[in-house]
Amino acid sequence: NFYAMQATCAAALDAAEGKVEAADQLYRAALTIFSGGTTAPAQWRWAQQLHAELLLSTGRLDEARTSLEEVRANMLRTGYEERRLHFVRGRVEDTIPASTP
């Protein structure tokens, strides 16, 4: 979606200029638009990643967290087979080393 991509790019520029609140609002708007459309998963993930980086870089760790249900739904949107997915609760840096095959 053109408007979601435009909002994502504007948010990235705002974040680079230190306009954290404006960037946060634009990322949230872009993600809302992406989630309601038929946008390519890569574009949606890109906006999510940029938003998460903004939240983490500004110490807003609680806002960067998400529920297992949301993670599951997001992963299923990629088209990857559910039977091949394995979800482990916890921080990525803590869980990946302990749960990789």
PDB file of N, CA and C in Angstrom:
ATOM      1  N   ASN A   1       0.832  -1.170   0.000  1.00  0.00           N
ATOM      2  CA  ASN A   1       0.000   0.000   0.000  1.00  0.00           C
ATOM      3  C   ASN A   1       0.882   1.240   0.000  1.00  0.00           C
ATOM      4  N   PHE A   2       0.612   2.122  -0.917  1.00  0.00           N
ATOM      5  CA  PHE A   2       1.412   3.332  -1.089  1.00  0.00           C
ATOM      6  C   PHE A   2       1.441   4.192   0.177  1.00  0.00           C
ATOM      7  N   TYR A   3       0.282   4.378   0.813  1.00  0.00           N
ATOM      8  CA  TYR A   3       0.214   5.253   1.984  1.00  0.00           C
ATOM      9  C   TYR A   3       0.976   4.677   3.169  1.00  0.00           C
ATOM     10  N   ALA A   4       0.921   3.384   3.327  1.00  0.00           N
ATOM     11  CA  ALA A   4       1.664   2.750   4.423  1.00  0.00           C
ATOM     12  C   ALA A   4       3.165   2.876   4.196  1.00  0.00           C
ATOM     13  N   MET A   5       3.612   2.708   2.971  1.00  0.00           N
ATOM     14  CA  MET A   5       5.040   2.855   2.667  1.00  0.00           C
ATOM     15  C   MET A   5       5.470   4.308   2.868  1.00  0.00           C
ATOM     16  N   GLN A   6       4.615   5.234   2.472  1.00  0.00           N
ATOM     17  CA  GLN A   6       4.919   6.652   2.641  1.00  0.00           C
ATOM     18  C   GLN A   6       5.041   6.986   4.131  1.00  0.00           C
ATOM     19  N   ALA A   7       4.127   6.466   4.948  1.00  0.00           N
ATOM     20  CA  ALA A   7       4.178   6.708   6.393  1.00  0.00           C
ATOM     21  C   ALA A   7       5.420   6.088   7.009  1.00  0.00           C
ATOM     22  N   THR A   8       5.803   4.902   6.537  1.00  0.00           N
ATOM     23  CA  THR A   8       6.994   4.230   7.056  1.00  0.00           C
ATOM     24  C   THR A   8       8.249   5.039   6.744  1.00  0.00           C
ATOM     25  N   CYS A   9       8.353   5.522   5.530  1.00  0.00           N
ATOM     26  CA  CYS A   9       9.523   6.326   5.143  1.00  0.00           C
ATOM     27  C   CYS A   9       9.566   7.643   5.918  1.00  0.00           C
ATOM     28  N   ALA A  10       8.415   8.280   6.088  1.00  0.00           N
ATOM     29  CA  ALA A  10       8.369   9.527   6.859  1.00  0.00           C
ATOM     30  C   ALA A  10       8.747   9.271   8.316  1.00  0.00           C
ATOM     31  N   ALA A  11       8.302   8.134   8.852  1.00  0.00           N
ATOM     32  CA  ALA A  11       8.644   7.786  10.233  1.00  0.00           C
ATOM     33  C   ALA A  11      10.141   7.565  10.382  1.00  0.00           C
ATOM     34  N   ALA A  12      10.748   6.907   9.420  1.00  0.00           N
ATOM     35  CA  ALA A  12      12.193   6.665   9.470  1.00  0.00           C
ATOM     36  C   ALA A  12      12.955   7.991   9.452  1.00  0.00           C
ATOM     37  N   LEU A  13      12.504   8.926   8.649  1.00  0.00           N
ATOM     38  CA  LEU A  13      13.135  10.249   8.610  1.00  0.00           C
ATOM     39  C   LEU A  13      12.953  10.980   9.932  1.00  0.00           C
ATOM     40  N   ASP A  14      11.742  10.925  10.485  1.00  0.00           N
ATOM     41  CA  ASP A  14      11.498  11.562  11.786  1.00  0.00           C
ATOM     42  C   ASP A  14      12.380  10.938  12.862  1.00  0.00           C
ATOM     43  N   ALA A  15      12.507   9.631  12.853  1.00  0.00           N
ATOM     44  CA  ALA A  15      13.337   8.947  13.848  1.00  0.00           C
ATOM     45  C   ALA A  15      14.795   9.386  13.714  1.00  0.00           C
ATOM     46  N   ALA A  16      15.269   9.498  12.491  1.00  0.00           N
ATOM     47  CA  ALA A  16      16.655   9.914  12.259  1.00  0.00           C
ATOM     48  C   ALA A  16      16.902  11.339  12.754  1.00  0.00           C
ATOM     49  N   GLU A  17      15.869  12.160  12.722  1.00  0.00           N
ATOM     50  CA  GLU A  17      15.987  13.547  13.178  1.00  0.00           C
ATOM     51  C   GLU A  17      15.679  13.693  14.665  1.00  0.00           C
ATOM     52  N   GLY A  18      15.426  12.566  15.348  1.00  0.00           N
ATOM     53  CA  GLY A  18      15.162  12.614  16.783  1.00  0.00           C
ATOM     54  C   GLY A  18      13.727  12.934  17.152  1.00  0.00           C
ATOM     55  N   LYS A  19      12.832  12.928  16.198  1.00  0.00           N
ATOM     56  CA  LYS A  19      11.417  13.215  16.455  1.00  0.00           C
ATOM     57  C   LYS A  19      10.715  11.894  16.797  1.00  0.00           C
ATOM     58  N   VAL A  20      10.975  11.407  17.993  1.00  0.00           N
ATOM     59  CA  VAL A  20      10.552  10.069  18.397  1.00  0.00           C
ATOM     60  C   VAL A  20       9.038   9.909  18.416  1.00  0.00           C
ATOM     61  N   GLU A  21       8.334  10.835  19.019  1.00  0.00           N
ATOM     62  CA  GLU A  21       6.875  10.697  19.123  1.00  0.00           C
ATOM     63  C   GLU A  21       6.210  10.741  17.750  1.00  0.00           C
ATOM     64  N   ALA A  22       6.669  11.634  16.885  1.00  0.00           N
ATOM     65  CA  ALA A  22       6.112  11.707  15.532  1.00  0.00           C
ATOM     66  C   ALA A  22       6.387  10.408  14.775  1.00  0.00           C
ATOM     67  N   ALA A  23       7.607   9.883  14.918  1.00  0.00           N
ATOM     68  CA  ALA A  23       7.958   8.632  14.252  1.00  0.00           C
ATOM     69  C   ALA A  23       7.103   7.489  14.778  1.00  0.00           C
ATOM     70  N   ASP A  24       6.897   7.426  16.089  1.00  0.00           N
ATOM     71  CA  ASP A  24       6.081   6.381  16.698  1.00  0.00           C
ATOM     72  C   ASP A  24       4.665   6.403  16.129  1.00  0.00           C
ATOM     73  N   GLN A  25       4.075   7.582  16.046  1.00  0.00           N
ATOM     74  CA  GLN A  25       2.714   7.706  15.515  1.00  0.00           C
ATOM     75  C   GLN A  25       2.643   7.282  14.052  1.00  0.00           C
ATOM     76  N   LEU A  26       3.636   7.662  13.264  1.00  0.00           N
ATOM     77  CA  LEU A  26       3.634   7.280  11.850  1.00  0.00           C
ATOM     78  C   LEU A  26       3.819   5.777  11.669  1.00  0.00           C
ATOM     79  N   TYR A  27       4.722   5.161  12.456  1.00  0.00           N
ATOM     80  CA  TYR A  27       4.890   3.713  12.369  1.00  0.00           C
ATOM     81  C   TYR A  27       3.596   3.001  12.726  1.00  0.00           C
ATOM     82  N   ARG A  28       2.940   3.451  13.789  1.00  0.00           N
ATOM     83  CA  ARG A  28       1.679   2.817  14.201  1.00  0.00           C
ATOM     84  C   ARG A  28       0.624   2.953  13.108  1.00  0.00           C
ATOM     85  N   ALA A  29       0.571   4.107  12.467  1.00  0.00           N
ATOM     86  CA  ALA A  29      -0.377   4.310  11.367  1.00  0.00           C
ATOM     87  C   ALA A  29      -0.053   3.383  10.197  1.00  0.00           C
ATOM     88  N   ALA A  30       1.222   3.293   9.864  1.00  0.00           N
ATOM     89  CA  ALA A  30       1.628   2.422   8.751  1.00  0.00           C
ATOM     90  C   ALA A  30       1.279   0.975   9.043  1.00  0.00           C
ATOM     91  N   LEU A  31       1.551   0.512  10.257  1.00  0.00           N
ATOM     92  CA  LEU A  31       1.261  -0.876  10.606  1.00  0.00           C
ATOM     93  C   LEU A  31      -0.235  -1.154  10.589  1.00  0.00           C
ATOM     94  N   THR A  32      -1.035  -0.175  10.968  1.00  0.00           N
ATOM     95  CA  THR A  32      -2.490  -0.336  10.897  1.00  0.00           C
ATOM     96  C   THR A  32      -2.939  -0.475   9.453  1.00  0.00           C
ATOM     97  N   ILE A  33      -2.390   0.352   8.580  1.00  0.00           N
ATOM     98  CA  ILE A  33      -2.741   0.267   7.155  1.00  0.00           C
ATOM     99  C   ILE A  33      -2.280  -1.064   6.586  1.00  0.00           C
ATOM    100  N   PHE A  34      -1.040  -1.455   6.884  1.00  0.00           N
ATOM    101  CA  PHE A  34      -0.514  -2.726   6.379  1.00  0.00           C
ATOM    102  C   PHE A  34      -1.370  -3.896   6.838  1.00  0.00           C
ATOM    103  N   SER A  35      -1.775  -3.910   8.100  1.00  0.00           N
ATOM    104  CA  SER A  35      -2.497  -5.061   8.630  1.00  0.00           C
ATOM    105  C   SER A  35      -3.887  -5.206   8.025  1.00  0.00           C
ATOM    106  N   GLY A  36      -4.424  -4.128   7.491  1.00  0.00           N
ATOM    107  CA  GLY A  36      -5.758  -4.194   6.902  1.00  0.00           C
ATOM    108  C   GLY A  36      -5.778  -4.445   5.412  1.00  0.00           C
ATOM    109  N   GLY A  37      -4.618  -4.543   4.801  1.00  0.00           N
ATOM    110  CA  GLY A  37      -4.576  -4.691   3.350  1.00  0.00           C
ATOM    111  C   GLY A  37      -3.959  -5.982   2.892  1.00  0.00           C
ATOM    112  N   THR A  38      -3.592  -5.990   1.640  1.00  0.00           N
ATOM    113  CA  THR A  38      -2.976  -7.175   1.036  1.00  0.00           C
ATOM    114  C   THR A  38      -1.528  -6.868   0.696  1.00  0.00           C
ATOM    115  N   THR A  39      -0.855  -6.195   1.605  1.00  0.00           N
ATOM    116  CA  THR A  39       0.519  -5.768   1.407  1.00  0.00           C
ATOM    117  C   THR A  39       1.466  -6.956   1.438  1.00  0.00           C
ATOM    118  N   ALA A  40       2.522  -6.861   0.683  1.00  0.00           N
ATOM    119  CA  ALA A  40       3.556  -7.898   0.713  1.00  0.00           C
ATOM    120  C   ALA A  40       4.099  -8.022   2.127  1.00  0.00           C
ATOM    121  N   PRO A  41       4.253  -9.251   2.623  1.00  0.00           N
ATOM    122  CA  PRO A  41       4.747  -9.442   3.992  1.00  0.00           C
ATOM    123  C   PRO A  41       6.086  -8.759   4.260  1.00  0.00           C
ATOM    124  N   ALA A  42       6.941  -8.655   3.265  1.00  0.00           N
ATOM    125  CA  ALA A  42       8.252  -8.042   3.475  1.00  0.00           C
ATOM    126  C   ALA A  42       8.120  -6.566   3.847  1.00  0.00           C
ATOM    127  N   GLN A  43       7.209  -5.859   3.232  1.00  0.00           N
ATOM    128  CA  GLN A  43       7.008  -4.442   3.545  1.00  0.00           C
ATOM    129  C   GLN A  43       6.456  -4.278   4.957  1.00  0.00           C
ATOM    130  N   TRP A  44       5.521  -5.127   5.313  1.00  0.00           N
ATOM    131  CA  TRP A  44       4.914  -5.074   6.638  1.00  0.00           C
ATOM    132  C   TRP A  44       5.971  -5.380   7.706  1.00  0.00           C
ATOM    133  N   ARG A  45       6.792  -6.405   7.474  1.00  0.00           N
ATOM    134  CA  ARG A  45       7.850  -6.762   8.430  1.00  0.00           C
ATOM    135  C   ARG A  45       8.882  -5.643   8.553  1.00  0.00           C
ATOM    136  N   TRP A  46       9.189  -4.984   7.434  1.00  0.00           N
ATOM    137  CA  TRP A  46      10.150  -3.885   7.447  1.00  0.00           C
ATOM    138  C   TRP A  46       9.648  -2.764   8.362  1.00  0.00           C
ATOM    139  N   ALA A  47       8.380  -2.394   8.233  1.00  0.00           N
ATOM    140  CA  ALA A  47       7.816  -1.347   9.087  1.00  0.00           C
ATOM    141  C   ALA A  47       7.814  -1.792  10.547  1.00  0.00           C
ATOM    142  N   GLN A  48       7.488  -3.054  10.798  1.00  0.00           N
ATOM    143  CA  GLN A  48       7.516  -3.569  12.168  1.00  0.00           C
ATOM    144  C   GLN A  48       8.925  -3.498  12.755  1.00  0.00           C
ATOM    145  N   GLN A  49       9.903  -3.891  11.970  1.00  0.00           N
ATOM    146  CA  GLN A  49      11.287  -3.896  12.443  1.00  0.00           C
ATOM    147  C   GLN A  49      11.761  -2.481  12.766  1.00  0.00           C
ATOM    148  N   LEU A  50      11.473  -1.538  11.888  1.00  0.00           N
ATOM    149  CA  LEU A  50      11.877  -0.152  12.136  1.00  0.00           C
ATOM    150  C   LEU A  50      11.209   0.389  13.390  1.00  0.00           C
ATOM    151  N   HIS A  51       9.935   0.061  13.575  1.00  0.00           N
ATOM    152  CA  HIS A  51       9.223   0.534  14.764  1.00  0.00           C
ATOM    153  C   HIS A  51       9.823  -0.089  16.021  1.00  0.00           C
ATOM    154  N   ALA A  52      10.100  -1.375  15.987  1.00  0.00           N
ATOM    155  CA  ALA A  52      10.705  -2.043  17.143  1.00  0.00           C
ATOM    156  C   ALA A  52      12.068  -1.434  17.472  1.00  0.00           C
ATOM    157  N   GLU A  53      12.864  -1.140  16.449  1.00  0.00           N
ATOM    158  CA  GLU A  53      14.176  -0.522  16.677  1.00  0.00           C
ATOM    159  C   GLU A  53      14.025   0.842  17.334  1.00  0.00           C
ATOM    160  N   LEU A  54      13.022   1.612  16.904  1.00  0.00           N
ATOM    161  CA  LEU A  54      12.769   2.918  17.519  1.00  0.00           C
ATOM    162  C   LEU A  54      12.418   2.740  18.995  1.00  0.00           C
ATOM    163  N   LEU A  55      11.520   1.814  19.293  1.00  0.00           N
ATOM    164  CA  LEU A  55      11.110   1.591  20.681  1.00  0.00           C
ATOM    165  C   LEU A  55      12.284   1.133  21.531  1.00  0.00           C
ATOM    166  N   LEU A  56      13.057   0.207  21.015  1.00  0.00           N
ATOM    167  CA  LEU A  56      14.200  -0.306  21.779  1.00  0.00           C
ATOM    168  C   LEU A  56      15.264   0.760  21.985  1.00  0.00           C
ATOM    169  N   SER A  57      15.528   1.548  20.958  1.00  0.00           N
ATOM    170  CA  SER A  57      16.581   2.572  21.064  1.00  0.00           C
ATOM    171  C   SER A  57      16.211   3.698  22.005  1.00  0.00           C
ATOM    172  N   THR A  58      14.921   3.847  22.293  1.00  0.00           N
ATOM    173  CA  THR A  58      14.480   4.901  23.201  1.00  0.00           C
ATOM    174  C   THR A  58      14.087   4.343  24.569  1.00  0.00           C
ATOM    175  N   GLY A  59      14.452   3.087  24.827  1.00  0.00           N
ATOM    176  CA  GLY A  59      14.216   2.488  26.140  1.00  0.00           C
ATOM    177  C   GLY A  59      12.784   2.107  26.419  1.00  0.00           C
ATOM    178  N   ARG A  60      11.971   1.993  25.402  1.00  0.00           N
ATOM    179  CA  ARG A  60      10.564   1.649  25.585  1.00  0.00           C
ATOM    180  C   ARG A  60      10.371   0.144  25.371  1.00  0.00           C
ATOM    181  N   LEU A  61      11.064  -0.637  26.176  1.00  0.00           N
ATOM    182  CA  LEU A  61      11.092  -2.089  26.020  1.00  0.00           C
ATOM    183  C   LEU A  61       9.719  -2.729  26.178  1.00  0.00           C
ATOM    184  N   ASP A  62       8.918  -2.244  27.106  1.00  0.00           N
ATOM    185  CA  ASP A  62       7.591  -2.829  27.308  1.00  0.00           C
ATOM    186  C   ASP A  62       6.726  -2.703  26.065  1.00  0.00           C
ATOM    187  N   GLU A  63       6.858  -1.611  25.336  1.00  0.00           N
ATOM    188  CA  GLU A  63       6.077  -1.418  24.122  1.00  0.00           C
ATOM    189  C   GLU A  63       6.588  -2.270  22.964  1.00  0.00           C
ATOM    190  N   ALA A  64       7.840  -2.680  23.042  1.00  0.00           N
ATOM    191  CA  ALA A  64       8.425  -3.480  21.962  1.00  0.00           C
ATOM    192  C   ALA A  64       8.060  -4.952  22.099  1.00  0.00           C
ATOM    193  N   ARG A  65       7.506  -5.339  23.248  1.00  0.00           N
ATOM    194  CA  ARG A  65       7.106  -6.729  23.458  1.00  0.00           C
ATOM    195  C   ARG A  65       5.773  -6.996  22.788  1.00  0.00           C
ATOM    196  N   THR A  66       5.523  -8.265  22.515  1.00  0.00           N
ATOM    197  CA  THR A  66       4.248  -8.652  21.928  1.00  0.00           C
ATOM    198  C   THR A  66       3.833  -9.998  22.494  1.00  0.00           C
ATOM    199  N   SER A  67       2.593 -10.342  22.297  1.00  0.00           N
ATOM    200  CA  SER A  67       2.079 -11.607  22.826  1.00  0.00           C
ATOM    201  C   SER A  67       2.439 -12.762  21.900  1.00  0.00           C
ATOM    202  N   LEU A  68       2.430 -13.958  22.465  1.00  0.00           N
ATOM    203  CA  LEU A  68       2.678 -15.155  21.663  1.00  0.00           C
ATOM    204  C   LEU A  68       1.632 -15.284  20.564  1.00  0.00           C
ATOM    205  N   GLU A  69       0.397 -14.925  20.867  1.00  0.00           N
ATOM    206  CA  GLU A  69      -0.679 -15.014  19.882  1.00  0.00           C
ATOM    207  C   GLU A  69      -0.415 -14.091  18.685  1.00  0.00           C
ATOM    208  N   GLU A  70       0.109 -12.890  18.974  1.00  0.00           N
ATOM    209  CA  GLU A  70       0.415 -11.957  17.884  1.00  0.00           C
ATOM    210  C   GLU A  70       1.594 -12.464  17.057  1.00  0.00           C
ATOM    211  N   VAL A  71       2.588 -13.011  17.725  1.00  0.00           N
ATOM    212  CA  VAL A  71       3.733 -13.577  17.009  1.00  0.00           C
ATOM    213  C   VAL A  71       3.268 -14.723  16.108  1.00  0.00           C
ATOM    214  N   ARG A  72       2.449 -15.605  16.654  1.00  0.00           N
ATOM    215  CA  ARG A  72       1.936 -16.734  15.880  1.00  0.00           C
ATOM    216  C   ARG A  72       1.158 -16.242  14.652  1.00  0.00           C
ATOM    217  N   ALA A  73       0.265 -15.288  14.863  1.00  0.00           N
ATOM    218  CA  ALA A  73      -0.522 -14.743  13.751  1.00  0.00           C
ATOM    219  C   ALA A  73       0.369 -14.118  12.692  1.00  0.00           C
ATOM    220  N   ASN A  74       1.382 -13.367  13.126  1.00  0.00           N
ATOM    221  CA  ASN A  74       2.297 -12.732  12.175  1.00  0.00           C
ATOM    222  C   ASN A  74       3.078 -13.772  11.381  1.00  0.00           C
ATOM    223  N   MET A  75       3.541 -14.816  12.054  1.00  0.00           N
ATOM    224  CA  MET A  75       4.296 -15.855  11.355  1.00  0.00           C
ATOM    225  C   MET A  75       3.411 -16.605  10.357  1.00  0.00           C
ATOM    226  N   LEU A  76       2.173 -16.853  10.710  1.00  0.00           N
ATOM    227  CA  LEU A  76       1.270 -17.552   9.799  1.00  0.00           C
ATOM    228  C   LEU A  76       0.942 -16.709   8.574  1.00  0.00           C
ATOM    229  N   ARG A  77       1.002 -15.393   8.716  1.00  0.00           N
ATOM    230  CA  ARG A  77       0.766 -14.504   7.565  1.00  0.00           C
ATOM    231  C   ARG A  77       1.843 -14.651   6.501  1.00  0.00           C
ATOM    232  N   THR A  78       3.008 -15.167   6.880  1.00  0.00           N
ATOM    233  CA  THR A  78       4.103 -15.304   5.918  1.00  0.00           C
ATOM    234  C   THR A  78       3.884 -16.456   4.957  1.00  0.00           C
ATOM    235  N   GLY A  79       2.945 -17.368   5.296  1.00  0.00           N
ATOM    236  CA  GLY A  79       2.713 -18.526   4.451  1.00  0.00           C
ATOM    237  C   GLY A  79       3.564 -19.728   4.833  1.00  0.00           C
ATOM    238  N   TYR A  80       4.419 -19.574   5.833  1.00  0.00           N
ATOM    239  CA  TYR A  80       5.243 -20.689   6.296  1.00  0.00           C
ATOM    240  C   TYR A  80       4.344 -21.723   6.961  1.00  0.00           C
ATOM    241  N   GLU A  81       4.642 -22.999   6.774  1.00  0.00           N
ATOM    242  CA  GLU A  81       3.800 -24.066   7.305  1.00  0.00           C
ATOM    243  C   GLU A  81       3.793 -24.056   8.830  1.00  0.00           C
ATOM    244  N   GLU A  82       2.597 -24.052   9.408  1.00  0.00           N
ATOM    245  CA  GLU A  82       2.470 -23.984  10.867  1.00  0.00           C
ATOM    246  C   GLU A  82       3.130 -25.174  11.552  1.00  0.00           C
ATOM    247  N   ARG A  83       3.065 -26.329  10.933  1.00  0.00           N
ATOM    248  CA  ARG A  83       3.646 -27.525  11.561  1.00  0.00           C
ATOM    249  C   ARG A  83       5.173 -27.419  11.687  1.00  0.00           C
ATOM    250  N   ARG A  84       5.774 -26.503  10.948  1.00  0.00           N
ATOM    251  CA  ARG A  84       7.230 -26.338  10.999  1.00  0.00           C
ATOM    252  C   ARG A  84       7.674 -25.234  11.953  1.00  0.00           C
ATOM    253  N   LEU A  85       6.705 -24.554  12.535  1.00  0.00           N
ATOM    254  CA  LEU A  85       7.016 -23.467  13.461  1.00  0.00           C
ATOM    255  C   LEU A  85       7.101 -23.998  14.886  1.00  0.00           C
ATOM    256  N   HIS A  86       8.037 -23.463  15.638  1.00  0.00           N
ATOM    257  CA  HIS A  86       8.208 -23.824  17.045  1.00  0.00           C
ATOM    258  C   HIS A  86       8.374 -22.528  17.818  1.00  0.00           C
ATOM    259  N   PHE A  87       7.451 -22.263  18.725  1.00  0.00           N
ATOM    260  CA  PHE A  87       7.462 -21.009  19.473  1.00  0.00           C
ATOM    261  C   PHE A  87       8.007 -21.238  20.871  1.00  0.00           C
ATOM    262  N   VAL A  88       8.901 -20.360  21.285  1.00  0.00           N
ATOM    263  CA  VAL A  88       9.488 -20.422  22.620  1.00  0.00           C
ATOM    264  C   VAL A  88       9.335 -19.043  23.246  1.00  0.00           C
ATOM    265  N   ARG A  89       8.696 -18.978  24.409  1.00  0.00           N
ATOM    266  CA  ARG A  89       8.519 -17.688  25.094  1.00  0.00           C
ATOM    267  C   ARG A  89       9.854 -17.194  25.629  1.00  0.00           C
ATOM    268  N   GLY A  90      10.066 -15.903  25.517  1.00  0.00           N
ATOM    269  CA  GLY A  90      11.274 -15.306  26.075  1.00  0.00           C
ATOM    270  C   GLY A  90      11.955 -14.388  25.087  1.00  0.00           C
ATOM    271  N   ARG A  91      13.024 -13.781  25.543  1.00  0.00           N
ATOM    272  CA  ARG A  91      13.808 -12.887  24.700  1.00  0.00           C
ATOM    273  C   ARG A  91      14.567 -13.712  23.666  1.00  0.00           C
ATOM    274  N   VAL A  92      14.654 -13.200  22.468  1.00  0.00           N
ATOM    275  CA  VAL A  92      15.324 -13.912  21.376  1.00  0.00           C
ATOM    276  C   VAL A  92      16.742 -14.295  21.773  1.00  0.00           C
ATOM    277  N   GLU A  93      17.488 -13.352  22.331  1.00  0.00           N
ATOM    278  CA  GLU A  93      18.886 -13.633  22.655  1.00  0.00           C
ATOM    279  C   GLU A  93      19.036 -14.685  23.756  1.00  0.00           C
ATOM    280  N   ASP A  94      17.960 -14.910  24.530  1.00  0.00           N
ATOM    281  CA  ASP A  94      18.002 -15.931  25.571  1.00  0.00           C
ATOM    282  C   ASP A  94      17.506 -17.287  25.077  1.00  0.00           C
ATOM    283  N   THR A  95      16.531 -17.274  24.187  1.00  0.00           N
ATOM    284  CA  THR A  95      15.875 -18.531  23.793  1.00  0.00           C
ATOM    285  C   THR A  95      16.486 -19.227  22.599  1.00  0.00           C
ATOM    286  N   ILE A  96      17.011 -18.498  21.638  1.00  0.00           N
ATOM    287  CA  ILE A  96      17.542 -19.153  20.438  1.00  0.00           C
ATOM    288  C   ILE A  96      18.710 -20.095  20.762  1.00  0.00           C
ATOM    289  N   PRO A  97      19.707 -19.661  21.488  1.00  0.00           N
ATOM    290  CA  PRO A  97      20.809 -20.592  21.760  1.00  0.00           C
ATOM    291  C   PRO A  97      20.367 -21.861  22.499  1.00  0.00           C
ATOM    292  N   ALA A  98      19.370 -21.740  23.363  1.00  0.00           N
ATOM    293  CA  ALA A  98      18.939 -22.874  24.163  1.00  0.00           C
ATOM    294  C   ALA A  98      17.967 -23.798  23.444  1.00  0.00           C
ATOM    295  N   SER A  99      17.323 -23.319  22.384  1.00  0.00           N
ATOM    296  CA  SER A  99      16.273 -24.130  21.765  1.00  0.00           C
ATOM    297  C   SER A  99      16.522 -24.476  20.305  1.00  0.00           C
ATOM    298  N   THR A 100      17.680 -24.194  19.778  1.00  0.00           N
ATOM    299  CA  THR A 100      17.960 -24.566  18.393  1.00  0.00           C
ATOM    300  C   THR A 100      18.289 -26.039  18.313  1.00  0.00           C
ATOM    301  N   PRO A 101      17.893 -26.685  17.229  1.00  0.00           N
ATOM    302  CA  PRO A 101      18.173 -28.136  17.093  1.00  0.00           C
ATOM    303  C   PRO A 101      19.646 -28.435  16.951  1.00  0.00           C
TER     304      PRO A 101
END
